[in-house]
Amino acid sequence: MASSVDPLVVGRVIGDVVDMFVPSVNMSVSYGSKHITNGCDIKPSIAVSAPKISISGHPDELYTLVMVDPDAPSPSEPSLREWIHWIVVDIPGGTNPNRGKEILTYAGPRPPVGIHRFILVLFQQKTPFGHIDHPNSRANFNTRLFAAHLDLGLPVATVYFNSQKEPANRRR
């Protein structure tokens, strides 16, 4: 199972956002008919709404999902790393984020320049959370500190995709 983290190492997801981990939960992510595989390209126009996500596991297990962009505002100078796009907690295993509690509403990719990585990280919770304050800003979020603050440990699943600004429609 360790080979499944290889694309995360190559894509610098492990290192830039999370530490090395062994995946233990299956997380399926899709935008419309496009299934997300590590490193695939997704146009911002098809990711305006939250993706469809299914999580394996048992209903008595709870999960936290975060989605971040570590390349904001540009991959060469990520001074706003990480930009947080979505936080959902208390997601029962075997279900999807619609069954959890949204702490920060979904914001689709809007990369201003360059190719950005958008990373969905799933953590298993030890207990239900109840109330959690949402971040004051979407800029400079830190997935590792967030996980440490909530005692989440290492991720149990992670997937990422790339996205870049779409060209404006040109008139002829």
Protein backbone atom coordinates (compact mmCIF):
# COMPACT_ATOMS: atom_id res chain seq x y z
CA MET A 1 0.00 0.00 0.00
CA ALA A 2 2.97 2.36 0.45
CA SER A 3 3.32 2.63 -3.33
CA SER A 4 0.04 4.56 -3.40
CA VAL A 5 1.79 7.56 -1.81
CA ASP A 6 4.41 7.72 -4.60
CA PRO A 7 2.47 10.30 -6.69
CA LEU A 8 2.08 12.38 -3.52
CA VAL A 9 5.87 12.40 -3.07
CA VAL A 10 6.52 13.23 -6.73
CA GLY A 11 3.89 16.00 -6.61
CA ARG A 12 5.45 17.37 -3.39
CA VAL A 13 2.15 16.97 -1.53
CA ILE A 14 4.09 14.96 1.03
CA GLY A 15 6.57 17.54 2.20
CA ASP A 16 4.74 20.75 1.30
CA VAL A 17 1.41 19.96 3.01
CA VAL A 18 1.48 16.64 4.88
CA ASP A 19 4.05 14.25 6.29
CA MET A 20 4.61 10.70 5.02
CA PHE A 21 1.67 8.46 5.90
CA VAL A 22 0.22 5.07 4.99
CA PRO A 23 -3.24 5.34 3.38
CA SER A 24 -5.80 3.31 5.30
CA VAL A 25 -9.12 4.63 3.96
CA ASN A 26 -10.40 4.78 0.39
CA MET A 27 -11.56 8.22 -0.73
CA SER A 28 -13.12 8.61 -4.18
CA VAL A 29 -13.37 12.17 -5.56
CA SER A 30 -15.06 13.33 -8.75
CA TYR A 31 -16.20 16.52 -10.42
CA GLY A 32 -19.12 15.54 -12.60
CA SER A 33 -18.02 12.53 -14.64
CA LYS A 34 -14.29 13.27 -14.10
CA HIS A 35 -12.78 10.97 -11.48
CA ILE A 36 -9.81 12.59 -9.70
CA THR A 37 -6.50 10.77 -9.80
CA ASN A 38 -3.31 12.22 -8.34
CA GLY A 39 -1.87 14.89 -10.61
CA CYS A 40 -4.75 15.02 -13.09
CA ASP A 41 -5.83 18.35 -14.60
CA ILE A 42 -9.17 19.91 -13.69
CA LYS A 43 -10.47 23.12 -15.23
CA PRO A 44 -11.74 25.66 -12.67
CA SER A 45 -15.00 25.88 -14.63
CA ILE A 46 -15.92 22.26 -13.80
CA ALA A 47 -14.89 22.63 -10.13
CA VAL A 48 -17.16 25.55 -9.23
CA SER A 49 -19.28 23.29 -7.02
CA ALA A 50 -17.92 20.91 -4.39
CA PRO A 51 -16.82 17.51 -5.70
CA LYS A 52 -18.69 14.29 -5.09
CA ILE A 53 -16.69 12.37 -2.49
CA SER A 54 -17.23 8.93 -1.01
CA ILE A 55 -15.29 7.67 1.97
CA SER A 56 -14.90 4.04 3.04
CA GLY A 57 -14.98 3.03 6.69
CA HIS A 58 -17.63 2.33 9.30
CA PRO A 59 -20.47 4.72 10.26
CA ASP A 60 -19.16 4.83 13.86
CA GLU A 61 -15.85 6.31 12.62
CA LEU A 62 -15.68 10.06 12.01
CA TYR A 63 -13.50 11.94 9.55
CA THR A 64 -12.31 15.47 8.82
CA LEU A 65 -11.73 16.70 5.27
CA VAL A 66 -9.67 19.73 4.29
CA MET A 67 -8.97 21.06 0.80
CA VAL A 68 -6.00 23.38 0.32
CA ASP A 69 -3.97 25.12 -2.39
CA PRO A 70 -0.30 25.26 -1.36
CA ASP A 71 0.62 27.31 -4.44
CA ALA A 72 -1.21 30.58 -3.71
CA PRO A 73 -0.88 33.09 -5.17
CA SER A 74 1.71 31.59 -7.54
CA PRO A 75 3.71 28.33 -7.52
CA SER A 76 7.00 30.24 -7.78
CA GLU A 77 6.17 32.50 -4.80
CA PRO A 78 3.57 30.79 -2.60
CA SER A 79 3.42 33.58 -0.01
CA LEU A 80 -0.17 32.73 0.96
CA ARG A 81 0.52 28.97 1.37
CA GLU A 82 -1.79 27.25 2.18
CA TRP A 83 -5.04 28.72 0.85
CA ILE A 84 -7.89 26.80 2.51
CA HIS A 85 -10.79 25.95 0.19
CA TRP A 86 -12.96 23.70 2.35
CA ILE A 87 -13.26 22.16 5.84
CA VAL A 88 -15.80 19.50 6.82
CA VAL A 89 -15.72 17.62 10.15
CA ASP A 90 -17.69 14.78 11.76
CA ILE A 91 -18.14 12.89 8.46
CA PRO A 92 -19.35 9.34 9.23
CA GLY A 93 -17.35 6.55 7.60
CA GLY A 94 -18.98 4.91 4.59
CA THR A 95 -20.66 8.20 3.62
CA ASN A 96 -19.67 11.57 2.16
CA PRO A 97 -19.02 15.17 3.31
CA ASN A 98 -22.72 16.04 2.92
CA ARG A 99 -23.26 13.97 6.08
CA GLY A 100 -20.65 15.94 8.02
CA LYS A 101 -20.55 19.46 9.43
CA GLU A 102 -19.17 22.12 7.09
CA ILE A 103 -16.88 24.47 9.02
CA LEU A 104 -15.71 26.46 6.00
CA THR A 105 -17.83 26.51 2.84
CA TYR A 106 -16.39 25.15 -0.39
CA ALA A 107 -14.58 27.61 -2.66
CA GLY A 108 -13.60 26.30 -6.07
CA PRO A 109 -10.17 26.69 -7.66
CA ARG A 110 -9.36 30.16 -9.03
CA PRO A 111 -5.60 30.12 -9.65
CA PRO A 112 -4.45 33.58 -10.83
CA VAL A 113 -1.20 32.41 -12.42
CA GLY A 114 0.62 29.12 -13.00
CA ILE A 115 -0.41 25.54 -12.32
CA HIS A 116 -1.71 25.07 -8.78
CA ARG A 117 -2.12 21.85 -6.79
CA PHE A 118 -5.45 21.39 -5.00
CA ILE A 119 -5.14 18.83 -2.23
CA LEU A 120 -7.92 17.00 -0.42
CA VAL A 121 -6.71 15.54 2.87
CA LEU A 122 -8.77 13.16 5.01
CA PHE A 123 -8.08 12.57 8.71
CA GLN A 124 -9.76 10.13 11.08
CA GLN A 125 -11.09 11.77 14.24
CA LYS A 126 -10.74 10.28 17.70
CA THR A 127 -13.99 11.88 18.93
CA PRO A 128 -16.85 14.05 17.59
CA PHE A 129 -15.90 17.72 17.51
CA GLY A 130 -19.09 19.66 18.08
CA HIS A 131 -18.15 23.33 17.72
CA ILE A 132 -15.00 24.36 15.85
CA ASP A 133 -14.13 27.94 14.96
CA HIS A 134 -13.55 28.50 11.28
CA PRO A 135 -10.26 30.13 10.26
CA ASN A 136 -10.18 33.95 10.32
CA SER A 137 -8.75 33.95 6.81
CA ARG A 138 -8.42 31.49 3.95
CA ALA A 139 -4.80 32.60 3.46
CA ASN A 140 -1.83 31.02 5.29
CA PHE A 141 -3.74 28.01 6.60
CA ASN A 142 -1.52 25.19 7.82
CA THR A 143 -2.84 21.64 7.48
CA ARG A 144 -0.23 20.21 9.87
CA LEU A 145 -1.01 22.75 12.62
CA PHE A 146 -4.75 22.29 12.12
CA ALA A 147 -4.34 18.51 12.50
CA ALA A 148 -2.12 18.93 15.56
CA HIS A 149 -4.56 21.38 17.19
CA LEU A 150 -7.42 18.89 16.79
CA ASP A 151 -5.25 15.83 17.64
CA LEU A 152 -5.98 14.23 14.25
CA GLY A 153 -2.62 12.58 13.68
CA LEU A 154 -1.48 11.71 10.17
CA PRO A 155 -3.86 11.65 7.18
CA VAL A 156 -5.65 8.42 6.27
CA ALA A 157 -6.19 9.42 2.62
CA THR A 158 -5.10 12.21 0.28
CA VAL A 159 -5.69 13.01 -3.37
CA TYR A 160 -4.68 16.03 -5.41
CA PHE A 161 -5.32 17.58 -8.80
CA ASN A 162 -3.78 20.39 -10.79
CA SER A 163 -5.62 23.42 -12.08
CA GLN A 164 -4.71 26.60 -13.91
CA LYS A 165 -6.48 29.75 -15.03
CA GLU A 166 -8.54 29.14 -18.12
CA PRO A 167 -7.92 31.41 -21.11
CA ALA A 168 -10.52 34.12 -21.64
CA ASN A 169 -12.83 33.55 -24.58
CA ARG A 170 -11.33 35.31 -27.54
CA ARG A 171 -13.51 37.14 -30.03
CA ARG A 172 -12.68 36.68 -33.69
